[in-house]
């Protein structure tokens, strides 16, 4: 494919005069969709991913308390998506910091918690509204609140050139240079219009193209990767491919970080969307299967705990406390008091019951503010 054919099909590389960084090249992608070769392999990949996603969505309908049980998935996604960008915190550290309270929250945890808030906020919004430019900006504002990058126009498109490459490289030395800031607003408007159009393209393919296009535009000064990955979940829920937000791809992307980054870059440089689509659909299939297995284990464990407690103790407070352990397996007596709106002595008694039943174990040996852990639940989340 010569340069003219490439530009017609995928985008144009052009020179930009930058008063701060000097003249440099930028890549401006064409509007979606590109021409896709729907060969047998791609058709099979779409079918396989659709089937696995449909099965997961069906399981989501059966969840007895979905608002609680989706939190383990969302927290793990937030952690993995943030880890791709360099955040270093384990799931156990994140959950423990939450249980101890904000005064003891470690810095990296704020970034992960912001991601959770951004996704939950956007999922509530798209139940009645479309995915639009304002929502994407609101997500970004929530994501960047009080963390690294908080001074880089949170909630606003960038007004400077950004680029991707080795640390401390110049824009002229960059591996990839997104469009100039003067093109971002129109490119994002085109992307949102594409997302909300009905052109007959398989929705999983549209989702993969959306993620590629968003990362290519790189519309914000910081946080583009995390917002781009959050939009995947948002789009799948908006289009009812998932009834509950149980599928998150960042685990796959983090495990295959080099391939993930190189395929996005290769697509920009060569215009070969097929490899990227195969990779994205494999991520759907693998993560849907992972989510199915976890959902089954979580449901079984929840029912086991409820049966044990119901057989021995006739109190609804224990059932409510068990559900809270599926939001965060770390718990304190003070947290129990607050979450269940019970007295401190009652909270202490409930914790003692679950400890006697070996549902909880003591996680810290400190005399005051002891932390307990639902170790079996944490194991399901961490594996």
Protein backbone atom coordinates (compact mmCIF):
# COMPACT_ATOMS: atom_id res chain seq x y z
CA UNK A 1 0.00 0.00 0.00
CA UNK A 2 1.52 3.34 -1.05
CA UNK A 3 1.26 6.52 1.05
CA UNK A 4 -1.77 7.84 -0.83
CA UNK A 5 -3.71 4.61 -0.38
CA UNK A 6 -2.78 4.54 3.31
CA UNK A 7 -3.92 8.12 3.89
CA UNK A 8 -7.19 7.50 2.09
CA UNK A 9 -7.92 4.39 4.17
CA UNK A 10 -6.52 5.13 7.62
CA UNK A 11 -5.17 8.62 8.24
CA UNK A 12 -2.58 11.20 7.37
CA UNK A 13 0.84 11.98 8.78
CA UNK A 14 1.43 15.68 8.50
CA UNK A 15 3.90 18.27 9.70
CA UNK A 16 2.80 20.58 12.49
CA UNK A 17 4.36 23.88 13.47
CA UNK A 18 4.58 23.99 17.24
CA UNK A 19 5.68 27.27 18.87
CA UNK A 20 6.93 25.39 21.94
CA UNK A 21 8.42 22.17 20.60
CA UNK A 22 9.33 23.10 17.04
CA UNK A 23 8.16 21.47 13.82
CA UNK A 24 7.23 17.81 14.11
CA UNK A 25 5.04 15.15 12.53
CA UNK A 26 1.62 14.11 13.85
CA UNK A 27 -0.75 11.33 12.85
CA UNK A 28 -4.40 12.27 12.28
CA UNK A 29 -6.67 9.22 11.94
CA UNK A 30 -9.56 9.12 9.50
CA UNK A 31 -13.15 8.86 10.66
CA UNK A 32 -14.34 5.42 11.66
CA UNK A 33 -14.97 2.86 10.37
CA UNK A 34 -12.06 1.71 8.20
CA UNK A 35 -12.55 -1.01 5.64
CA UNK A 36 -12.43 -4.35 7.46
CA UNK A 37 -11.85 -7.72 5.81
CA UNK A 38 -14.41 -10.01 7.43
CA UNK A 39 -12.72 -13.30 6.68
CA UNK A 40 -13.53 -16.68 8.25
CA UNK A 41 -11.10 -16.25 11.14
CA UNK A 42 -12.54 -12.88 12.14
CA UNK A 43 -16.11 -14.16 11.84
CA UNK A 44 -15.29 -17.10 14.13
CA UNK A 45 -13.61 -14.81 16.63
CA UNK A 46 -16.66 -12.54 16.73
CA UNK A 47 -18.98 -15.52 17.16
CA UNK A 48 -16.88 -17.01 19.96
CA UNK A 49 -16.63 -13.71 21.84
CA UNK A 50 -20.34 -12.99 21.41
CA UNK A 51 -21.26 -16.41 22.78
CA UNK A 52 -19.00 -16.12 25.80
CA UNK A 53 -20.19 -12.59 26.51
CA UNK A 54 -23.81 -13.68 26.21
CA UNK A 55 -23.25 -16.45 28.74
CA UNK A 56 -21.65 -14.00 31.15
CA UNK A 57 -24.51 -11.58 30.71
CA UNK A 58 -26.95 -14.38 31.54
CA UNK A 59 -25.08 -15.12 34.75
CA UNK A 60 -25.28 -11.44 35.59
CA UNK A 61 -29.07 -11.60 35.49
CA UNK A 62 -29.03 -14.35 38.12
CA UNK A 63 -26.85 -12.55 40.64
CA UNK A 64 -28.86 -12.24 43.87
CA UNK A 65 -27.27 -8.94 44.85
CA UNK A 66 -25.58 -7.53 41.73
CA UNK A 67 -24.86 -4.08 43.11
CA UNK A 68 -22.62 -5.67 45.73
CA UNK A 69 -21.18 -8.56 43.76
CA UNK A 70 -19.97 -6.48 40.79
CA UNK A 71 -17.63 -4.50 43.06
CA UNK A 72 -14.88 -7.16 43.15
CA UNK A 73 -14.76 -7.03 39.33
CA UNK A 74 -14.73 -3.26 39.17
CA UNK A 75 -11.99 -2.90 41.79
CA UNK A 76 -9.79 -5.44 40.06
CA UNK A 77 -10.30 -3.71 36.70
CA UNK A 78 -9.43 -0.35 38.26
CA UNK A 79 -6.28 -1.85 39.71
CA UNK A 80 -5.16 -3.52 36.48
CA UNK A 81 -5.94 -0.50 34.31
CA UNK A 82 -3.98 1.74 36.65
CA UNK A 83 -1.12 -0.76 36.80
CA UNK A 84 -0.69 -0.55 33.02
CA UNK A 85 0.06 3.15 33.52
CA UNK A 86 2.65 2.51 36.23
CA UNK A 87 0.60 2.52 39.43
CA UNK A 88 2.12 0.00 41.83
CA UNK A 89 -0.29 -1.33 44.43
CA UNK A 90 -1.60 -4.84 45.06
CA UNK A 91 -5.27 -5.69 45.35
CA UNK A 92 -4.76 -6.67 48.98
CA UNK A 93 -3.07 -3.32 49.73
CA UNK A 94 -5.90 -1.43 48.04
CA UNK A 95 -8.64 -3.25 49.95
CA UNK A 96 -6.78 -2.99 53.24
CA UNK A 97 -6.29 0.74 52.80
CA UNK A 98 -10.02 1.14 52.17
CA UNK A 99 -10.87 -0.84 55.28
CA UNK A 100 -8.56 1.26 57.43
CA UNK A 101 -10.02 4.53 56.16
CA UNK A 102 -8.84 7.46 54.05
CA UNK A 103 -6.36 8.69 56.68
CA UNK A 104 -4.20 5.65 55.99
CA UNK A 105 -4.81 5.41 52.25
CA UNK A 106 -1.55 5.07 50.32
CA UNK A 107 -1.11 7.49 47.37
CA UNK A 108 -1.49 4.95 44.53
CA UNK A 109 -4.79 3.80 46.01
CA UNK A 110 -6.35 7.19 45.28
CA UNK A 111 -5.82 6.66 41.55
CA UNK A 112 -7.50 3.26 41.66
CA UNK A 113 -10.40 4.53 43.77
CA UNK A 114 -10.91 7.45 41.37
CA UNK A 115 -11.15 4.96 38.50
CA UNK A 116 -13.88 3.06 40.35
CA UNK A 117 -15.79 6.29 40.96
CA UNK A 118 -15.46 7.36 37.32
CA UNK A 119 -16.80 4.04 36.00
CA UNK A 120 -19.69 3.89 38.48
CA UNK A 121 -20.65 7.47 37.71
CA UNK A 122 -20.61 6.89 33.96
CA UNK A 123 -22.59 3.63 34.20
CA UNK A 124 -25.33 5.44 36.10
CA UNK A 125 -25.39 8.24 33.51
CA UNK A 126 -25.65 6.04 30.41
CA UNK A 127 -28.72 4.25 31.73
CA UNK A 128 -30.72 7.28 30.55
CA UNK A 129 -28.28 9.26 28.40
CA UNK A 130 -25.97 8.54 25.47
CA UNK A 131 -22.20 8.39 25.64
CA UNK A 132 -21.30 11.96 24.74
CA UNK A 133 -18.37 14.35 24.91
CA UNK A 134 -19.50 15.86 28.19
CA UNK A 135 -19.68 12.47 29.90
CA UNK A 136 -16.18 11.54 28.77
CA UNK A 137 -14.87 14.83 30.15
CA UNK A 138 -16.72 14.26 33.44
CA UNK A 139 -15.15 10.81 33.73
CA UNK A 140 -11.73 12.33 33.22
CA UNK A 141 -12.35 15.00 35.83
CA UNK A 142 -13.29 12.34 38.40
CA UNK A 143 -10.31 10.18 37.43
CA UNK A 144 -7.75 12.96 37.91
CA UNK A 145 -9.15 14.50 41.10
CA UNK A 146 -6.38 14.92 43.69
CA UNK A 147 -3.88 12.57 42.02
CA UNK A 148 -0.87 12.78 39.71
CA UNK A 149 -1.93 14.85 36.71
CA UNK A 150 -4.46 16.90 38.69
CA UNK A 151 -2.78 20.02 37.28
CA UNK A 152 -3.11 18.81 33.67
CA UNK A 153 -6.54 20.13 32.70
CA UNK A 154 -8.77 17.49 34.37
CA UNK A 155 -12.05 17.29 32.48
CA UNK A 156 -10.73 19.26 29.50
CA UNK A 157 -9.09 18.29 26.24
CA UNK A 158 -5.41 19.03 26.01
CA UNK A 159 -4.25 22.39 24.68
CA UNK A 160 -0.68 21.19 24.05
CA UNK A 161 0.96 18.51 21.97
CA UNK A 162 1.58 15.18 23.68
CA UNK A 163 3.50 12.15 22.48
CA UNK A 164 4.43 8.56 23.32
CA UNK A 165 7.99 7.35 23.55
CA UNK A 166 10.97 6.63 25.81
CA UNK A 167 11.27 8.69 28.97
CA UNK A 168 12.60 12.22 28.34
CA UNK A 169 12.49 11.86 24.57
CA UNK A 170 11.60 14.89 22.45
CA UNK A 171 8.55 15.02 20.22
CA UNK A 172 10.85 14.58 17.24
CA UNK A 173 12.21 11.37 18.81
CA UNK A 174 8.81 10.00 19.88
CA UNK A 175 7.52 6.55 18.97
CA UNK A 176 4.09 7.99 18.20
CA UNK A 177 2.74 11.54 18.05
CA UNK A 178 -1.08 11.96 18.25
CA UNK A 179 -2.96 14.73 16.45
CA UNK A 180 -2.32 18.33 17.41
CA UNK A 181 -4.62 19.89 20.03
CA UNK A 182 -6.39 21.93 17.36
CA UNK A 183 -7.78 18.70 15.85
CA UNK A 184 -8.86 16.95 19.05
CA UNK A 185 -12.34 18.39 19.49
CA UNK A 186 -13.47 17.51 15.96
CA UNK A 187 -11.92 14.04 16.14
CA UNK A 188 -13.67 13.33 19.43
CA UNK A 189 -16.97 14.62 18.05
CA UNK A 190 -16.59 12.25 15.09
CA UNK A 191 -15.78 9.35 17.43
CA UNK A 192 -18.84 9.92 19.62
CA UNK A 193 -21.05 10.25 16.53
CA UNK A 194 -19.73 6.91 15.30
CA UNK A 195 -20.41 5.24 18.64
CA UNK A 196 -24.01 6.42 18.64
CA UNK A 197 -24.67 5.52 14.98
CA UNK A 198 -26.27 2.32 13.72
CA UNK A 199 -24.27 1.22 10.70
CA UNK A 200 -24.72 -2.54 10.98
CA UNK A 201 -21.13 -3.12 12.12
CA UNK A 202 -20.85 -5.87 14.79
CA UNK A 203 -20.85 -4.10 18.14
CA UNK A 204 -17.73 -5.84 19.41
CA UNK A 205 -15.87 -4.61 16.33
CA UNK A 206 -17.17 -1.08 16.93
CA UNK A 207 -15.98 -1.32 20.51
CA UNK A 208 -12.49 -2.40 19.41
CA UNK A 209 -12.34 0.41 16.86
CA UNK A 210 -13.51 2.91 19.47
CA UNK A 211 -10.69 1.97 21.83
CA UNK A 212 -8.11 2.18 19.05
CA UNK A 213 -9.40 5.56 17.89
CA UNK A 214 -9.56 7.04 21.38
CA UNK A 215 -5.99 5.99 22.17
CA UNK A 216 -4.84 7.33 18.80
CA UNK A 217 -6.45 10.72 19.43
CA UNK A 218 -5.07 10.80 23.00
CA UNK A 219 -7.38 13.71 23.81
CA UNK A 220 -6.24 14.46 27.38
CA UNK A 221 -2.92 15.51 28.83
CA UNK A 222 -2.95 12.47 31.12
CA UNK A 223 -5.17 9.48 31.90
CA UNK A 224 -5.95 8.53 28.29
CA UNK A 225 -5.29 4.82 28.74
CA UNK A 226 -7.54 4.49 31.77
CA UNK A 227 -10.41 6.47 30.22
CA UNK A 228 -10.06 4.53 26.98
CA UNK A 229 -10.34 1.22 28.81
CA UNK A 230 -13.22 2.43 30.98
CA UNK A 231 -15.11 3.33 27.80
CA UNK A 232 -15.02 -0.33 26.74
CA UNK A 233 -17.13 -1.38 29.74
CA UNK A 234 -19.35 1.65 29.32
CA UNK A 235 -20.04 0.92 25.66
CA UNK A 236 -20.75 -2.77 26.19
CA UNK A 237 -23.27 -1.96 28.94
CA UNK A 238 -24.86 0.85 26.96
CA UNK A 239 -25.40 -1.45 23.99
CA UNK A 240 -26.77 -4.20 26.29
CA UNK A 241 -24.07 -6.67 25.36
CA UNK A 242 -23.70 -6.93 29.14
CA UNK A 243 -26.60 -6.57 31.54
CA UNK A 244 -24.23 -6.17 34.48
CA UNK A 245 -20.72 -4.65 34.29
CA UNK A 246 -18.87 -7.90 34.88
CA UNK A 247 -16.40 -7.83 31.98
CA UNK A 248 -13.15 -5.89 32.25
CA UNK A 249 -10.32 -6.24 29.78
CA UNK A 250 -7.46 -4.58 31.65
CA UNK A 251 -6.40 -7.89 33.20
CA UNK A 252 -5.73 -9.27 29.72
CA UNK A 253 -4.14 -6.04 28.51
CA UNK A 254 -1.86 -5.92 31.57
CA UNK A 255 -0.84 -9.56 31.16
CA UNK A 256 -0.07 -8.87 27.48
CA UNK A 257 1.12 -5.31 27.95
CA UNK A 258 3.80 -5.29 25.26
CA UNK A 259 1.54 -6.82 22.61
CA UNK A 260 -1.28 -4.46 23.59
CA UNK A 261 0.89 -1.38 23.12
CA UNK A 262 2.67 -2.65 20.01
CA UNK A 263 -0.55 -3.59 18.21
CA UNK A 264 -2.06 -0.15 18.80
CA UNK A 265 1.14 1.39 17.44
CA UNK A 266 1.37 -1.08 14.55
CA UNK A 267 -2.19 -0.31 13.53
CA UNK A 268 -1.31 3.38 13.40
CA UNK A 269 1.84 2.79 11.37
CA UNK A 270 0.61 0.06 9.01
CA UNK A 271 -3.16 0.43 8.97
CA UNK A 272 -3.62 -3.29 9.65
CA UNK A 273 -6.73 -3.44 11.82
CA UNK A 274 -7.19 -7.20 11.59
CA UNK A 275 -4.43 -8.06 14.06
CA UNK A 276 -5.74 -5.53 16.56
CA UNK A 277 -9.30 -6.87 16.19
CA UNK A 278 -8.14 -10.47 16.73
CA UNK A 279 -6.29 -9.40 19.88
CA UNK A 280 -9.26 -7.43 21.20
CA UNK A 281 -11.72 -10.27 20.58
CA UNK A 282 -9.38 -12.72 22.29
CA UNK A 283 -9.36 -10.36 25.28
CA UNK A 284 -13.18 -10.45 25.33
CA UNK A 285 -13.25 -14.26 25.22
CA UNK A 286 -10.55 -14.81 27.85
CA UNK A 287 -11.84 -12.22 30.30
CA UNK A 288 -15.46 -13.32 29.90
CA UNK A 289 -14.45 -16.87 30.82
CA UNK A 290 -12.47 -15.56 33.78
CA UNK A 291 -15.44 -13.49 34.94
CA UNK A 292 -17.76 -16.49 34.57
CA UNK A 293 -15.56 -18.63 36.79
CA UNK A 294 -15.22 -15.93 39.41
CA UNK A 295 -18.96 -15.18 39.41
CA UNK A 296 -19.72 -18.85 39.97
CA UNK A 297 -17.22 -19.12 42.84
CA UNK A 298 -18.47 -15.90 44.43
CA UNK A 299 -22.10 -17.03 44.26
CA UNK A 300 -21.27 -20.43 45.71
CA UNK A 301 -19.22 -18.94 48.53
CA UNK A 302 -21.90 -16.38 49.36
CA UNK A 303 -24.58 -19.06 49.57
CA UNK A 304 -22.32 -21.26 51.68
CA UNK A 305 -21.73 -18.43 54.15
CA UNK A 306 -25.40 -17.50 54.32
CA UNK A 307 -26.42 -21.11 54.93
CA UNK A 308 -23.87 -21.54 57.72
CA UNK A 309 -25.02 -18.41 59.50
CA UNK A 310 -28.75 -18.94 58.93
CA UNK A 311 -28.57 -22.47 60.34
CA UNK A 312 -26.96 -21.25 63.57
CA UNK A 313 -27.97 -17.62 64.01
CA UNK A 314 -31.31 -16.00 63.25
CA UNK A 315 -30.17 -12.46 62.50
CA UNK A 316 -30.43 -10.51 59.25
CA UNK A 317 -27.45 -8.39 60.29
CA UNK A 318 -25.10 -11.32 59.68
CA UNK A 319 -26.41 -11.73 56.12
CA UNK A 320 -25.88 -8.02 55.49
CA UNK A 321 -22.35 -8.18 56.88
CA UNK A 322 -21.53 -11.16 54.65
CA UNK A 323 -22.64 -9.17 51.61
CA UNK A 324 -20.33 -6.34 52.64
CA UNK A 325 -17.43 -8.78 52.68
CA UNK A 326 -17.97 -9.31 48.97
CA UNK A 327 -17.43 -5.60 48.42
CA UNK A 328 -14.27 -5.62 50.52
CA UNK A 329 -13.08 -8.77 52.31
CA UNK A 330 -11.23 -6.64 54.85
CA UNK A 331 -13.41 -5.38 57.70
CA UNK A 332 -13.09 -3.71 61.10
CA UNK A 333 -15.56 -3.44 63.95
CA UNK A 334 -15.86 0.29 63.33
CA UNK A 335 -16.63 -0.31 59.65
CA UNK A 336 -19.23 -2.91 60.57
CA UNK A 337 -20.86 -0.43 62.94
CA UNK A 338 -21.00 2.19 60.19
CA UNK A 339 -22.05 -0.05 57.28
CA UNK A 340 -24.82 -1.87 59.15
CA UNK A 341 -25.87 1.11 61.30
CA UNK A 342 -25.64 -0.94 64.49
CA UNK A 343 -24.06 -0.26 67.87
CA UNK A 344 -20.40 -1.01 68.52
CA UNK A 345 -21.16 -3.95 70.84
CA UNK A 346 -23.44 -5.47 68.18
CA UNK A 347 -20.79 -4.99 65.50
CA UNK A 348 -18.20 -6.61 67.75
CA UNK A 349 -20.47 -9.59 68.37
CA UNK A 350 -21.11 -10.06 64.63
CA UNK A 351 -17.39 -10.04 63.89
CA UNK A 352 -16.79 -12.55 66.69
CA UNK A 353 -19.44 -14.89 65.26
CA UNK A 354 -17.89 -14.85 61.77
CA UNK A 355 -14.45 -15.37 63.31
CA UNK A 356 -15.69 -18.39 65.27
CA UNK A 357 -17.13 -19.79 62.05
CA UNK A 358 -13.73 -19.19 60.36
CA UNK A 359 -15.31 -16.98 57.73
CA UNK A 360 -13.14 -14.19 59.09
CA UNK A 361 -9.56 -14.33 60.29
CA UNK A 362 -7.57 -11.72 62.15
CA UNK A 363 -5.43 -9.85 59.63
CA UNK A 364 -3.58 -7.59 62.06
CA UNK A 365 -2.26 -8.18 65.57
CA UNK A 366 -2.62 -4.59 66.75
CA UNK A 367 -4.60 -4.12 69.93
CA UNK A 368 -6.76 -1.27 68.62
CA UNK A 369 -8.66 -1.07 65.33
CA UNK A 370 -8.11 -4.73 64.52
CA UNK A 371 -8.58 -5.71 60.89
CA UNK A 372 -10.26 -8.97 59.90
CA UNK A 373 -10.23 -10.67 56.52
CA UNK A 374 -12.59 -12.95 54.63
CA UNK A 375 -9.65 -14.93 53.30
CA UNK A 376 -11.59 -17.21 50.91
CA UNK A 377 -13.20 -14.24 49.21
CA UNK A 378 -9.87 -12.47 48.80
CA UNK A 379 -8.41 -15.61 47.25
CA UNK A 380 -11.12 -15.63 44.57
CA UNK A 381 -10.46 -11.97 43.77
CA UNK A 382 -6.68 -12.26 43.68
CA UNK A 383 -6.15 -15.43 41.64
